[in-house]
Amino acid sequence: MGPVTAGIREFCENFGAYLLPSNAPVAITSPGNTIGYFIPARRRRSETERAAREEAAARLAEMLAATGLTEDDVVADFKRWRAGKPR
């Protein structure tokens, strides 16, 4: 399931509507461009979600180790990519 999309004005005016009823992330847009995300924090995660998150972290660690990259390398690469994108 992808994020719900809301314009920044709509999001601000109806914040409570996005906060309470759903655990889905909200992509906040300003004239058609995504400018940020609101990710609601849940008080309790299911055992399945926790296990999936741990598995994803372990797989990421394996991929980094296999390639010799560090988390800092990935972040730096993302920042370079992001800097090259038109706004």
C-alpha atoms as a PDB file:
ATOM      1  CA  MET A   1       0.000   0.000   0.000  1.00  0.00           C
ATOM      2  CA  GLY A   2       1.436   3.354  -1.017  1.00  0.00           C
ATOM      3  CA  PRO A   3       1.174   6.598   0.861  1.00  0.00           C
ATOM      4  CA  VAL A   4      -1.926   8.758   0.908  1.00  0.00           C
ATOM      5  CA  THR A   5      -1.312  12.053  -0.921  1.00  0.00           C
ATOM      6  CA  ALA A   6      -2.363  15.448   0.441  1.00  0.00           C
ATOM      7  CA  GLY A   7      -1.552  19.017  -0.481  1.00  0.00           C
ATOM      8  CA  ILE A   8       0.275  20.939   2.229  1.00  0.00           C
ATOM      9  CA  ARG A   9      -2.662  23.244   2.948  1.00  0.00           C
ATOM     10  CA  GLU A  10      -5.118  20.348   3.129  1.00  0.00           C
ATOM     11  CA  PHE A  11      -2.734  18.410   5.382  1.00  0.00           C
ATOM     12  CA  CYS A  12      -2.313  21.334   7.786  1.00  0.00           C
ATOM     13  CA  GLU A  13      -6.017  22.134   7.919  1.00  0.00           C
ATOM     14  CA  ASN A  14      -7.038  18.502   8.455  1.00  0.00           C
ATOM     15  CA  PHE A  15      -4.081  17.213  10.453  1.00  0.00           C
ATOM     16  CA  GLY A  16      -6.279  15.347  12.938  1.00  0.00           C
ATOM     17  CA  ALA A  17      -7.965  13.452  10.137  1.00  0.00           C
ATOM     18  CA  TYR A  18      -4.584  12.124   9.006  1.00  0.00           C
ATOM     19  CA  LEU A  19      -3.291  11.525  12.507  1.00  0.00           C
ATOM     20  CA  LEU A  20      -5.884   9.263  14.048  1.00  0.00           C
ATOM     21  CA  PRO A  21      -7.688   6.944  11.644  1.00  0.00           C
ATOM     22  CA  SER A  22      -4.816   5.440   9.705  1.00  0.00           C
ATOM     23  CA  ASN A  23      -1.304   4.107  10.009  1.00  0.00           C
ATOM     24  CA  ALA A  24      -0.611   4.874   6.342  1.00  0.00           C
ATOM     25  CA  PRO A  25       2.109   7.414   5.542  1.00  0.00           C
ATOM     26  CA  VAL A  26       1.012  10.688   3.946  1.00  0.00           C
ATOM     27  CA  ALA A  27       2.972  12.167   1.024  1.00  0.00           C
ATOM     28  CA  ILE A  28       2.698  15.939   1.414  1.00  0.00           C
ATOM     29  CA  THR A  29       2.742  17.838  -1.854  1.00  0.00           C
ATOM     30  CA  SER A  30       3.100  21.428  -2.953  1.00  0.00           C
ATOM     31  CA  PRO A  31       1.959  22.126  -6.502  1.00  0.00           C
ATOM     32  CA  GLY A  32       2.353  18.506  -7.562  1.00  0.00           C
ATOM     33  CA  ASN A  33       5.794  17.860  -6.043  1.00  0.00           C
ATOM     34  CA  THR A  34       6.247  15.714  -2.974  1.00  0.00           C
ATOM     35  CA  ILE A  35       7.918  17.897  -0.344  1.00  0.00           C
ATOM     36  CA  GLY A  36       7.794  15.522   2.610  1.00  0.00           C
ATOM     37  CA  TYR A  37       6.187  12.606   4.325  1.00  0.00           C
ATOM     38  CA  PHE A  38       4.235  12.266   7.536  1.00  0.00           C
ATOM     39  CA  ILE A  39       4.691   8.806   8.981  1.00  0.00           C
ATOM     40  CA  PRO A  40       2.418   8.150  11.955  1.00  0.00           C
ATOM     41  CA  ALA A  41       4.043   6.385  14.871  1.00  0.00           C
ATOM     42  CA  ARG A  42       2.134   3.398  16.120  1.00  0.00           C
ATOM     43  CA  ARG A  43       2.230   2.517  19.757  1.00  0.00           C
ATOM     44  CA  ARG A  44       2.446  -1.218  19.124  1.00  0.00           C
ATOM     45  CA  ARG A  45       3.947  -3.135  16.257  1.00  0.00           C
ATOM     46  CA  SER A  46       2.797  -6.629  15.510  1.00  0.00           C
ATOM     47  CA  GLU A  47       5.241  -9.490  15.865  1.00  0.00           C
ATOM     48  CA  THR A  48       5.058  -9.976  12.083  1.00  0.00           C
ATOM     49  CA  GLU A  49       6.005  -6.339  11.419  1.00  0.00           C
ATOM     50  CA  ARG A  50       8.859  -6.473  13.913  1.00  0.00           C
ATOM     51  CA  ALA A  51      10.202  -9.677  12.370  1.00  0.00           C
ATOM     52  CA  ALA A  52       9.944  -8.219   8.860  1.00  0.00           C
ATOM     53  CA  ARG A  53      11.811  -5.083   9.940  1.00  0.00           C
ATOM     54  CA  GLU A  54      14.555  -7.175  11.559  1.00  0.00           C
ATOM     55  CA  GLU A  55      14.843  -9.333   8.432  1.00  0.00           C
ATOM     56  CA  ALA A  56      15.100  -6.243   6.217  1.00  0.00           C
ATOM     57  CA  ALA A  57      17.836  -4.801   8.448  1.00  0.00           C
ATOM     58  CA  ALA A  58      19.755  -8.090   8.355  1.00  0.00           C
ATOM     59  CA  ARG A  59      19.474  -8.295   4.555  1.00  0.00           C
ATOM     60  CA  LEU A  60      20.687  -4.696   4.215  1.00  0.00           C
ATOM     61  CA  ALA A  61      23.658  -5.460   6.474  1.00  0.00           C
ATOM     62  CA  GLU A  62      24.485  -8.509   4.330  1.00  0.00           C
ATOM     63  CA  MET A  63      24.320  -6.478   1.109  1.00  0.00           C
ATOM     64  CA  LEU A  64      26.520  -3.743   2.551  1.00  0.00           C
ATOM     65  CA  ALA A  65      29.063  -6.295   3.764  1.00  0.00           C
ATOM     66  CA  ALA A  66      29.069  -8.075   0.389  1.00  0.00           C
ATOM     67  CA  THR A  67      29.742  -4.842  -1.504  1.00  0.00           C
ATOM     68  CA  GLY A  68      32.129  -3.327   1.036  1.00  0.00           C
ATOM     69  CA  LEU A  69      29.942  -0.246   1.379  1.00  0.00           C
ATOM     70  CA  THR A  70      29.090   1.489   4.634  1.00  0.00           C
ATOM     71  CA  GLU A  71      25.881   3.217   5.658  1.00  0.00           C
ATOM     72  CA  ASP A  72      27.725   6.527   5.261  1.00  0.00           C
ATOM     73  CA  ASP A  73      28.565   5.595   1.640  1.00  0.00           C
ATOM     74  CA  VAL A  74      24.893   4.962   0.911  1.00  0.00           C
ATOM     75  CA  VAL A  75      23.837   8.249   2.527  1.00  0.00           C
ATOM     76  CA  ALA A  76      26.504  10.195   0.618  1.00  0.00           C
ATOM     77  CA  ASP A  77      25.430   8.577  -2.657  1.00  0.00           C
ATOM     78  CA  PHE A  78      21.794   9.449  -1.963  1.00  0.00           C
ATOM     79  CA  LYS A  79      22.728  13.065  -1.210  1.00  0.00           C
ATOM     80  CA  ARG A  80      24.660  13.300  -4.493  1.00  0.00           C
ATOM     81  CA  TRP A  81      21.698  11.822  -6.373  1.00  0.00           C
ATOM     82  CA  ARG A  82      19.263  14.152  -4.615  1.00  0.00           C
ATOM     83  CA  ALA A  83      21.412  17.213  -5.363  1.00  0.00           C
ATOM     84  CA  GLY A  84      21.296  16.404  -9.086  1.00  0.00           C
ATOM     85  CA  LYS A  85      17.493  16.221  -9.258  1.00  0.00           C
ATOM     86  CA  PRO A  86      15.579  19.313 -10.427  1.00  0.00           C
ATOM     87  CA  ARG A  87      13.287  20.827  -7.845  1.00  0.00           C
END
